[in-house]
Amino acid sequence: MWSELVPYLGPSAIAALAVVAVLTGLLVPVRTHNRELGAKQAEIDRLVKALDKAENQRDRLMFGVADVTVGVMRSLPSAPEWAAAPPKDPVS
């Protein structure tokens, strides 16, 4: 496409086309593209690992909270035991 226009354009127009192509992202070197793509993929991998670790920690914490809650509920007196107990004298 642009190669057909080269004989009819002057050097300044060709430079302007090159600048426009660079600014719009049409002339990005493959090496730069691969480097940036690799950096983004490494960041994605790091974030996925961090998310997995956070999820595992959350799960362990929730299981611990559930164990404590079950222990507290089991240690509370049941309703019939509580209702049958005589009231305590606050003075003594």
N, C-alpha and C. Protein backbone atom coordinates (compact mmCIF):
# COMPACT_ATOMS: atom_id res chain seq x y z
N MET A 1 0.83 -1.18 0.00
CA MET A 1 0.00 0.00 0.00
C MET A 1 0.88 1.25 0.00
N TRP A 2 1.76 1.36 0.98
CA TRP A 2 2.60 2.55 1.07
C TRP A 2 3.70 2.53 0.03
N SER A 3 4.10 1.33 -0.36
CA SER A 3 5.17 1.24 -1.36
C SER A 3 4.75 1.84 -2.69
N GLU A 4 3.46 1.86 -2.98
CA GLU A 4 2.97 2.47 -4.21
C GLU A 4 3.04 3.99 -4.14
N LEU A 5 2.96 4.54 -2.93
CA LEU A 5 2.96 5.98 -2.78
C LEU A 5 4.36 6.58 -2.73
N VAL A 6 5.38 5.77 -2.49
CA VAL A 6 6.75 6.28 -2.30
C VAL A 6 7.25 7.11 -3.48
N PRO A 7 7.07 6.69 -4.74
CA PRO A 7 7.59 7.51 -5.85
C PRO A 7 6.92 8.89 -5.94
N TYR A 8 5.71 9.05 -5.41
CA TYR A 8 4.98 10.29 -5.56
C TYR A 8 5.14 11.22 -4.35
N LEU A 9 5.69 10.72 -3.27
CA LEU A 9 5.82 11.51 -2.06
C LEU A 9 7.26 11.98 -1.88
N GLY A 10 7.41 13.08 -1.19
CA GLY A 10 8.74 13.58 -0.90
C GLY A 10 9.26 12.98 0.39
N PRO A 11 10.51 13.27 0.75
CA PRO A 11 11.11 12.72 1.97
C PRO A 11 10.37 13.14 3.24
N SER A 12 9.87 14.36 3.28
CA SER A 12 9.16 14.80 4.49
C SER A 12 7.83 14.05 4.65
N ALA A 13 7.17 13.75 3.55
CA ALA A 13 5.92 13.00 3.64
C ALA A 13 6.18 11.57 4.08
N ILE A 14 7.27 10.99 3.59
CA ILE A 14 7.62 9.63 4.00
C ILE A 14 7.97 9.60 5.48
N ALA A 15 8.71 10.60 5.96
CA ALA A 15 9.03 10.70 7.39
C ALA A 15 7.76 10.88 8.21
N ALA A 16 6.83 11.69 7.70
CA ALA A 16 5.57 11.90 8.42
C ALA A 16 4.77 10.60 8.49
N LEU A 17 4.77 9.83 7.41
CA LEU A 17 4.07 8.53 7.43
C LEU A 17 4.72 7.58 8.43
N ALA A 18 6.05 7.60 8.50
CA ALA A 18 6.75 6.74 9.46
C ALA A 18 6.42 7.14 10.89
N VAL A 19 6.37 8.45 11.14
CA VAL A 19 6.02 8.92 12.49
C VAL A 19 4.60 8.52 12.85
N VAL A 20 3.68 8.68 11.91
CA VAL A 20 2.29 8.28 12.16
C VAL A 20 2.20 6.78 12.41
N ALA A 21 2.94 6.00 11.65
CA ALA A 21 2.92 4.55 11.82
C ALA A 21 3.48 4.16 13.19
N VAL A 22 4.53 4.83 13.64
CA VAL A 22 5.10 4.54 14.96
C VAL A 22 4.12 4.94 16.06
N LEU A 23 3.50 6.11 15.92
CA LEU A 23 2.58 6.58 16.96
C LEU A 23 1.31 5.73 17.05
N THR A 24 0.88 5.18 15.94
CA THR A 24 -0.33 4.34 15.96
C THR A 24 -0.03 2.89 16.28
N GLY A 25 1.25 2.55 16.41
CA GLY A 25 1.62 1.20 16.78
C GLY A 25 1.79 0.25 15.63
N LEU A 26 1.86 0.76 14.42
CA LEU A 26 2.05 -0.11 13.26
C LEU A 26 3.49 -0.55 13.09
N LEU A 27 4.44 0.19 13.63
CA LEU A 27 5.85 -0.14 13.48
C LEU A 27 6.49 -0.44 14.83
N VAL A 28 6.06 -1.50 15.46
CA VAL A 28 6.65 -1.92 16.73
C VAL A 28 7.55 -3.11 16.43
N PRO A 29 8.81 -3.05 16.80
CA PRO A 29 9.70 -4.18 16.53
C PRO A 29 9.21 -5.45 17.23
N VAL A 30 9.40 -6.57 16.57
CA VAL A 30 8.96 -7.86 17.10
C VAL A 30 9.65 -8.15 18.44
N ARG A 31 10.93 -7.80 18.54
CA ARG A 31 11.68 -8.05 19.77
C ARG A 31 11.06 -7.27 20.94
N THR A 32 10.69 -6.02 20.69
CA THR A 32 10.06 -5.20 21.74
C THR A 32 8.69 -5.78 22.11
N HIS A 33 7.95 -6.17 21.10
CA HIS A 33 6.62 -6.74 21.34
C HIS A 33 6.73 -8.02 22.18
N ASN A 34 7.66 -8.90 21.81
CA ASN A 34 7.84 -10.16 22.55
C ASN A 34 8.31 -9.90 23.98
N ARG A 35 9.18 -8.90 24.17
CA ARG A 35 9.66 -8.57 25.52
C ARG A 35 8.50 -8.07 26.39
N GLU A 36 7.70 -7.17 25.85
CA GLU A 36 6.57 -6.64 26.62
C GLU A 36 5.53 -7.73 26.89
N LEU A 37 5.30 -8.57 25.91
CA LEU A 37 4.35 -9.67 26.08
C LEU A 37 4.84 -10.64 27.15
N GLY A 38 6.13 -10.94 27.14
CA GLY A 38 6.71 -11.82 28.16
C GLY A 38 6.63 -11.21 29.55
N ALA A 39 6.86 -9.90 29.64
CA ALA A 39 6.77 -9.23 30.95
C ALA A 39 5.34 -9.28 31.49
N LYS A 40 4.38 -9.05 30.62
CA LYS A 40 2.97 -9.11 31.06
C LYS A 40 2.59 -10.53 31.47
N GLN A 41 3.07 -11.52 30.73
CA GLN A 41 2.75 -12.91 31.08
C GLN A 41 3.37 -13.28 32.42
N ALA A 42 4.60 -12.80 32.67
CA ALA A 42 5.24 -13.07 33.96
C ALA A 42 4.46 -12.41 35.09
N GLU A 43 3.96 -11.21 34.86
CA GLU A 43 3.15 -10.54 35.88
C GLU A 43 1.84 -11.28 36.12
N ILE A 44 1.23 -11.76 35.07
CA ILE A 44 -0.01 -12.54 35.21
C ILE A 44 0.26 -13.80 36.01
N ASP A 45 1.34 -14.50 35.70
CA ASP A 45 1.68 -15.73 36.43
C ASP A 45 1.92 -15.44 37.91
N ARG A 46 2.63 -14.32 38.20
CA ARG A 46 2.90 -13.94 39.59
C ARG A 46 1.60 -13.63 40.33
N LEU A 47 0.69 -12.93 39.66
CA LEU A 47 -0.58 -12.58 40.31
C LEU A 47 -1.47 -13.80 40.52
N VAL A 48 -1.44 -14.75 39.59
CA VAL A 48 -2.22 -15.98 39.75
C VAL A 48 -1.70 -16.77 40.95
N LYS A 49 -0.37 -16.85 41.10
CA LYS A 49 0.20 -17.54 42.26
C LYS A 49 -0.19 -16.85 43.56
N ALA A 50 -0.14 -15.52 43.56
CA ALA A 50 -0.51 -14.77 44.76
C ALA A 50 -1.99 -14.97 45.10
N LEU A 51 -2.83 -15.02 44.08
CA LEU A 51 -4.26 -15.25 44.31
C LEU A 51 -4.50 -16.64 44.87
N ASP A 52 -3.82 -17.64 44.33
CA ASP A 52 -3.96 -19.00 44.85
C ASP A 52 -3.52 -19.08 46.31
N LYS A 53 -2.41 -18.43 46.62
CA LYS A 53 -1.92 -18.43 48.00
C LYS A 53 -2.92 -17.74 48.93
N ALA A 54 -3.47 -16.62 48.49
CA ALA A 54 -4.44 -15.89 49.31
C ALA A 54 -5.72 -16.72 49.52
N GLU A 55 -6.15 -17.42 48.47
CA GLU A 55 -7.34 -18.27 48.61
C GLU A 55 -7.09 -19.41 49.58
N ASN A 56 -5.91 -20.01 49.51
CA ASN A 56 -5.58 -21.10 50.44
C ASN A 56 -5.54 -20.58 51.88
N GLN A 57 -4.95 -19.41 52.10
CA GLN A 57 -4.90 -18.83 53.44
C GLN A 57 -6.31 -18.53 53.94
N ARG A 58 -7.16 -17.99 53.06
CA ARG A 58 -8.54 -17.69 53.44
C ARG A 58 -9.28 -18.97 53.82
N ASP A 59 -9.09 -20.02 53.03
CA ASP A 59 -9.76 -21.28 53.33
C ASP A 59 -9.32 -21.84 54.68
N ARG A 60 -8.00 -21.80 54.95
CA ARG A 60 -7.51 -22.30 56.24
C ARG A 60 -8.06 -21.46 57.38
N LEU A 61 -8.13 -20.16 57.19
CA LEU A 61 -8.67 -19.28 58.22
C LEU A 61 -10.14 -19.57 58.47
N MET A 62 -10.91 -19.76 57.41
CA MET A 62 -12.34 -20.02 57.57
C MET A 62 -12.57 -21.37 58.25
N PHE A 63 -11.75 -22.38 57.92
CA PHE A 63 -11.90 -23.66 58.60
C PHE A 63 -11.57 -23.52 60.09
N GLY A 64 -10.58 -22.70 60.42
CA GLY A 64 -10.24 -22.45 61.82
C GLY A 64 -11.36 -21.75 62.54
N VAL A 65 -11.97 -20.76 61.89
CA VAL A 65 -13.10 -20.04 62.50
C VAL A 65 -14.27 -20.99 62.69
N ALA A 66 -14.50 -21.86 61.74
CA ALA A 66 -15.61 -22.82 61.87
C ALA A 66 -15.36 -23.77 63.03
N ASP A 67 -14.12 -24.22 63.22
CA ASP A 67 -13.80 -25.12 64.33
C ASP A 67 -14.03 -24.42 65.67
N VAL A 68 -13.63 -23.16 65.76
CA VAL A 68 -13.83 -22.40 67.01
C VAL A 68 -15.32 -22.21 67.26
N THR A 69 -16.06 -21.90 66.22
CA THR A 69 -17.51 -21.69 66.37
C THR A 69 -18.19 -22.96 66.85
N VAL A 70 -17.82 -24.09 66.28
CA VAL A 70 -18.40 -25.37 66.70
C VAL A 70 -18.04 -25.64 68.15
N GLY A 71 -16.80 -25.36 68.54
CA GLY A 71 -16.39 -25.58 69.93
C GLY A 71 -17.18 -24.69 70.89
N VAL A 72 -17.39 -23.45 70.52
CA VAL A 72 -18.16 -22.54 71.38
C VAL A 72 -19.60 -23.01 71.48
N MET A 73 -20.19 -23.40 70.38
CA MET A 73 -21.59 -23.85 70.40
C MET A 73 -21.75 -25.12 71.24
N ARG A 74 -20.76 -26.01 71.18
CA ARG A 74 -20.85 -27.24 71.97
C ARG A 74 -20.64 -26.97 73.46
N SER A 75 -19.90 -25.93 73.77
CA SER A 75 -19.65 -25.64 75.19
C SER A 75 -20.81 -24.91 75.85
N LEU A 76 -21.69 -24.34 75.07
CA LEU A 76 -22.85 -23.65 75.66
C LEU A 76 -23.83 -24.68 76.21
N PRO A 77 -24.50 -24.34 77.29
CA PRO A 77 -25.49 -25.29 77.82
C PRO A 77 -26.69 -25.38 76.88
N SER A 78 -27.28 -26.54 76.83
CA SER A 78 -28.46 -26.69 76.00
C SER A 78 -29.64 -26.02 76.69
N ALA A 79 -30.69 -25.78 75.98
CA ALA A 79 -31.84 -25.04 76.52
C ALA A 79 -32.47 -25.74 77.71
N PRO A 80 -32.71 -27.05 77.69
CA PRO A 80 -33.31 -27.68 78.87
C PRO A 80 -32.42 -27.58 80.11
N GLU A 81 -31.12 -27.71 79.96
CA GLU A 81 -30.22 -27.60 81.11
C GLU A 81 -30.27 -26.19 81.68
N TRP A 82 -30.29 -25.22 80.83
CA TRP A 82 -30.29 -23.84 81.28
C TRP A 82 -31.61 -23.49 81.96
N ALA A 83 -32.72 -23.99 81.42
CA ALA A 83 -34.03 -23.69 82.00
C ALA A 83 -34.22 -24.42 83.33
N ALA A 84 -33.62 -25.60 83.50
CA ALA A 84 -33.80 -26.37 84.73
C ALA A 84 -32.89 -25.90 85.86
N ALA A 85 -31.85 -25.16 85.55
CA ALA A 85 -30.92 -24.72 86.59
C ALA A 85 -31.57 -23.66 87.47
N PRO A 86 -31.37 -23.78 88.78
CA PRO A 86 -31.94 -22.75 89.64
C PRO A 86 -31.20 -21.42 89.47
N PRO A 87 -31.90 -20.32 89.66
CA PRO A 87 -31.26 -19.02 89.51
C PRO A 87 -30.21 -18.84 90.59
N LYS A 88 -29.12 -18.18 90.24
CA LYS A 88 -28.05 -17.94 91.20
C LYS A 88 -28.39 -16.70 92.00
N ASP A 89 -28.01 -16.74 93.27
CA ASP A 89 -28.23 -15.60 94.16
C ASP A 89 -27.13 -14.57 93.91
N PRO A 90 -27.43 -13.38 93.46
CA PRO A 90 -26.39 -12.39 93.16
C PRO A 90 -25.70 -11.88 94.42
N VAL A 91 -26.29 -12.03 95.59
CA VAL A 91 -25.72 -11.52 96.83
C VAL A 91 -24.60 -12.42 97.33
N SER A 92 -24.76 -13.71 97.17
CA SER A 92 -23.77 -14.64 97.73
C SER A 92 -22.61 -14.85 96.85
